[in-house]
N, C-alpha and C. Protein backbone atom coordinates (compact mmCIF):
# COMPACT_ATOMS: atom_id res chain seq x y z
N MET A 1 105.00 157.14 81.48
CA MET A 1 105.69 156.92 82.51
C MET A 1 106.98 156.07 82.07
N PRO A 2 108.10 156.52 82.33
CA PRO A 2 109.25 155.73 82.07
C PRO A 2 109.52 154.37 82.48
N ARG A 3 109.85 153.38 82.09
CA ARG A 3 109.99 152.01 82.72
C ARG A 3 111.09 152.12 83.55
N MET A 4 111.09 151.14 84.70
CA MET A 4 112.35 150.96 85.55
C MET A 4 113.44 150.42 84.97
N PRO A 5 114.61 150.86 85.27
CA PRO A 5 115.93 150.15 84.70
C PRO A 5 115.72 148.37 85.13
N ARG A 6 116.22 147.66 84.18
CA ARG A 6 116.03 146.16 84.18
C ARG A 6 117.22 145.95 85.14
N LYS A 7 117.11 144.76 85.94
CA LYS A 7 118.14 144.29 86.61
C LYS A 7 118.98 143.34 86.01
N PRO A 8 120.37 143.38 86.11
CA PRO A 8 121.27 142.53 85.37
C PRO A 8 121.34 141.08 85.57
N SER A 9 121.27 140.31 84.58
CA SER A 9 120.94 138.92 84.37
C SER A 9 122.22 138.57 85.35
N GLY A 10 121.75 137.41 86.26
CA GLY A 10 122.72 136.68 87.03
C GLY A 10 123.59 135.83 86.25
N SER A 11 123.26 135.37 84.89
CA SER A 11 123.87 134.18 84.11
C SER A 11 124.76 135.34 83.18
N GLY A 12 124.36 136.67 82.82
CA GLY A 12 124.64 137.02 81.96
C GLY A 12 124.23 137.24 80.55
N TYR A 13 123.53 136.29 80.38
CA TYR A 13 122.46 136.41 79.18
C TYR A 13 121.27 137.33 78.95
N TYR A 14 121.04 137.73 77.82
CA TYR A 14 120.48 138.98 77.53
C TYR A 14 119.32 138.34 76.31
N HIS A 15 118.11 138.78 76.21
CA HIS A 15 117.47 138.70 75.05
C HIS A 15 116.82 140.02 74.59
N VAL A 16 117.78 140.56 73.62
CA VAL A 16 117.61 141.92 73.15
C VAL A 16 116.77 141.98 71.85
N VAL A 17 115.72 142.81 71.79
CA VAL A 17 114.63 143.06 70.79
C VAL A 17 114.75 144.27 70.29
N SER A 18 114.56 144.49 69.03
CA SER A 18 114.69 145.74 68.40
C SER A 18 113.45 145.81 67.52
N ARG A 19 112.46 146.46 67.43
CA ARG A 19 111.54 147.00 66.44
C ARG A 19 111.46 148.14 65.62
N GLY A 20 110.70 147.92 64.49
CA GLY A 20 110.53 149.36 63.79
C GLY A 20 109.57 149.93 64.54
N ILE A 21 109.50 151.08 64.54
CA ILE A 21 108.28 152.25 65.11
C ILE A 21 107.12 151.65 64.27
N GLY A 22 105.98 151.65 64.65
CA GLY A 22 104.86 151.25 63.70
C GLY A 22 104.95 150.47 62.81
N LYS A 23 105.90 149.26 63.10
CA LYS A 23 106.08 148.12 62.23
C LYS A 23 106.65 148.32 61.15
N GLN A 24 107.76 149.53 61.32
CA GLN A 24 108.07 149.88 59.67
C GLN A 24 109.58 148.81 59.64
N VAL A 25 109.40 148.80 58.11
CA VAL A 25 110.27 148.03 58.02
C VAL A 25 111.71 148.21 58.18
N LEU A 26 112.41 147.44 58.78
CA LEU A 26 113.96 147.96 58.96
C LEU A 26 115.03 147.31 58.01
N PHE A 27 114.58 145.98 57.20
CA PHE A 27 115.48 145.39 56.30
C PHE A 27 114.80 145.14 54.73
N GLU A 28 115.09 146.08 53.98
CA GLU A 28 114.31 146.17 52.73
C GLU A 28 115.15 145.17 51.63
N GLU A 29 116.45 145.14 52.07
CA GLU A 29 116.98 144.00 50.81
C GLU A 29 118.19 143.33 51.41
N THR A 30 118.69 142.26 51.03
CA THR A 30 119.77 141.27 51.45
C THR A 30 120.95 142.10 52.18
N GLU A 31 121.09 143.34 51.31
CA GLU A 31 122.27 143.90 51.79
C GLU A 31 122.17 144.48 53.20
N ASP A 32 121.12 144.90 53.42
CA ASP A 32 120.47 145.62 54.84
C ASP A 32 120.84 144.57 55.90
N TYR A 33 120.56 143.38 55.77
CA TYR A 33 120.66 142.37 56.65
C TYR A 33 122.26 142.19 56.88
N GLU A 34 123.28 142.06 55.84
CA GLU A 34 124.46 141.68 56.03
C GLU A 34 124.97 142.93 56.56
N ARG A 35 124.72 144.24 56.35
CA ARG A 35 125.32 145.38 56.99
C ARG A 35 124.93 145.40 58.46
N TYR A 36 123.86 145.03 59.10
CA TYR A 36 123.60 144.93 60.20
C TYR A 36 124.46 143.66 60.92
N LEU A 37 124.69 142.73 60.33
CA LEU A 37 125.49 141.51 61.05
C LEU A 37 126.77 142.33 60.80
N GLU A 38 127.06 142.69 60.02
CA GLU A 38 128.84 143.26 60.08
C GLU A 38 129.16 144.05 60.93
N THR A 39 128.10 145.20 61.33
CA THR A 39 128.40 146.04 62.57
C THR A 39 128.07 145.23 63.85
N LEU A 40 127.36 144.25 63.85
CA LEU A 40 127.31 143.32 65.18
C LEU A 40 128.92 142.72 65.27
N ARG A 41 129.18 142.21 64.20
CA ARG A 41 130.48 141.50 64.31
C ARG A 41 131.70 142.52 64.77
N ARG A 42 131.52 143.79 64.39
CA ARG A 42 132.59 144.89 64.88
C ARG A 42 132.53 145.25 66.31
N PHE A 43 131.34 145.57 66.58
CA PHE A 43 130.98 146.47 67.59
C PHE A 43 130.80 145.27 68.94
N LEU A 44 130.21 144.28 68.74
CA LEU A 44 129.89 142.97 70.11
C LEU A 44 131.50 142.97 70.59
N PRO A 45 132.55 142.51 70.02
CA PRO A 45 133.79 142.00 70.76
C PRO A 45 134.33 143.41 71.32
N GLU A 46 134.22 144.47 70.73
CA GLU A 46 134.60 145.63 71.36
C GLU A 46 133.95 145.83 72.59
N ASN A 47 132.85 145.78 72.84
CA ASN A 47 132.42 145.65 74.25
C ASN A 47 131.93 144.31 74.88
N SER A 48 132.83 143.36 74.79
CA SER A 48 133.16 142.15 75.44
C SER A 48 131.41 141.73 75.56
N ILE A 49 130.79 141.58 74.45
CA ILE A 49 129.60 140.71 74.21
C ILE A 49 129.86 139.97 73.33
N SER A 50 129.21 138.83 73.23
CA SER A 50 129.23 137.59 72.74
C SER A 50 127.77 137.19 72.21
N LEU A 51 127.60 137.42 70.88
CA LEU A 51 126.24 136.88 70.05
C LEU A 51 126.30 135.55 70.02
N ILE A 52 125.45 135.01 70.88
CA ILE A 52 124.99 133.54 70.72
C ILE A 52 123.83 133.21 69.64
N ALA A 53 122.81 134.05 69.58
CA ALA A 53 121.96 133.34 68.64
C ALA A 53 121.12 134.70 67.88
N TYR A 54 121.02 134.66 66.95
CA TYR A 54 120.05 135.89 66.37
C TYR A 54 118.95 135.51 65.53
N CYS A 55 118.03 136.15 65.15
CA CYS A 55 116.77 136.12 64.34
C CYS A 55 116.62 137.52 63.75
N LEU A 56 116.69 137.84 62.48
CA LEU A 56 116.60 139.02 61.80
C LEU A 56 114.92 138.97 61.00
N MET A 57 114.13 139.63 61.41
CA MET A 57 113.16 139.61 60.69
C MET A 57 113.01 140.95 59.88
N GLU A 58 111.82 141.09 58.90
CA GLU A 58 111.85 142.18 58.10
C GLU A 58 111.86 143.29 58.94
N ASN A 59 110.68 143.25 59.98
CA ASN A 59 110.55 144.45 60.83
C ASN A 59 110.85 144.46 62.31
N HIS A 60 111.78 143.55 62.65
CA HIS A 60 112.54 143.62 63.89
C HIS A 60 113.65 142.36 63.95
N VAL A 61 114.17 142.55 65.11
CA VAL A 61 115.44 141.69 65.28
C VAL A 61 115.30 141.02 66.85
N HIS A 62 115.67 139.81 66.86
CA HIS A 62 115.94 139.10 68.31
C HIS A 62 117.45 138.68 68.22
N LEU A 63 118.00 139.27 69.51
CA LEU A 63 119.58 138.70 69.83
C LEU A 63 119.68 137.96 70.88
N LEU A 64 120.18 136.93 71.06
CA LEU A 64 120.56 136.43 72.68
C LEU A 64 122.03 136.68 72.54
N VAL A 65 122.54 137.27 73.63
CA VAL A 65 123.85 137.79 73.64
C VAL A 65 124.35 137.48 75.17
N HIS A 66 125.32 137.13 75.43
CA HIS A 66 126.18 137.15 76.90
C HIS A 66 127.22 138.10 77.11
N ALA A 67 127.23 138.95 78.26
CA ALA A 67 127.60 139.81 78.76
C ALA A 67 127.84 140.13 80.16
N ASP A 68 129.25 139.66 80.71
CA ASP A 68 129.48 139.61 81.92
C ASP A 68 129.28 140.72 82.48
N SER A 69 129.44 141.76 82.12
CA SER A 69 129.23 143.07 82.87
C SER A 69 128.22 143.83 82.20
N GLY A 70 127.08 143.25 81.85
CA GLY A 70 125.75 143.67 81.51
C GLY A 70 125.81 144.44 80.21
N LEU A 71 124.77 145.00 79.84
CA LEU A 71 124.40 145.74 78.55
C LEU A 71 124.34 147.08 78.94
N LYS A 72 124.55 147.63 79.83
CA LYS A 72 124.44 149.10 79.98
C LYS A 72 125.08 149.96 79.25
N ARG A 73 126.46 149.94 79.10
CA ARG A 73 127.41 150.71 78.24
C ARG A 73 126.83 150.46 76.45
N ALA A 74 126.42 149.28 76.14
CA ALA A 74 125.93 149.26 74.78
C ALA A 74 124.60 149.72 74.44
N MET A 75 123.67 149.71 75.53
CA MET A 75 122.33 150.19 75.38
C MET A 75 122.33 151.89 75.58
N CYS A 76 122.92 152.19 76.20
CA CYS A 76 123.17 153.89 76.52
C CYS A 76 123.56 154.36 75.10
N GLY A 77 124.44 153.83 74.44
CA GLY A 77 124.95 154.22 73.12
C GLY A 77 123.94 153.70 71.95
N ASN A 78 122.93 153.14 72.24
CA ASN A 78 122.11 152.63 71.18
C ASN A 78 123.13 151.81 69.97
N TYR A 79 124.16 151.00 70.32
CA TYR A 79 124.81 150.62 69.29
C TYR A 79 124.22 149.04 68.71
N PHE A 80 123.43 148.73 69.39
CA PHE A 80 122.82 147.55 68.76
C PHE A 80 121.78 147.90 67.66
N TRP A 81 121.10 149.35 67.60
CA TRP A 81 120.40 149.53 66.54
C TRP A 81 120.90 150.06 65.24
N ILE A 82 122.17 150.25 65.25
CA ILE A 82 122.82 150.71 64.12
C ILE A 82 122.55 150.25 62.95
N LEU A 83 122.10 150.92 61.86
CA LEU A 83 121.90 149.74 60.71
C LEU A 83 122.96 150.93 59.68
């Protein structure tokens, strides 16, 4: 059963989590982490999203972001998961 859409945050802050399927490793080398962060640096400002904090683990990612207009546009394009 599909999940219901999340309600927009009243504060504009969101905790975004991305995990590898079946605990698959997302980042194998230092360059993988660097490329992911560079992608975020390019993408987030284009979409009026501010990165507050992040934690990149081998098989998952935690992002704390602020987005006044919500994350709908970003999540629809799956831009957060581009490696």
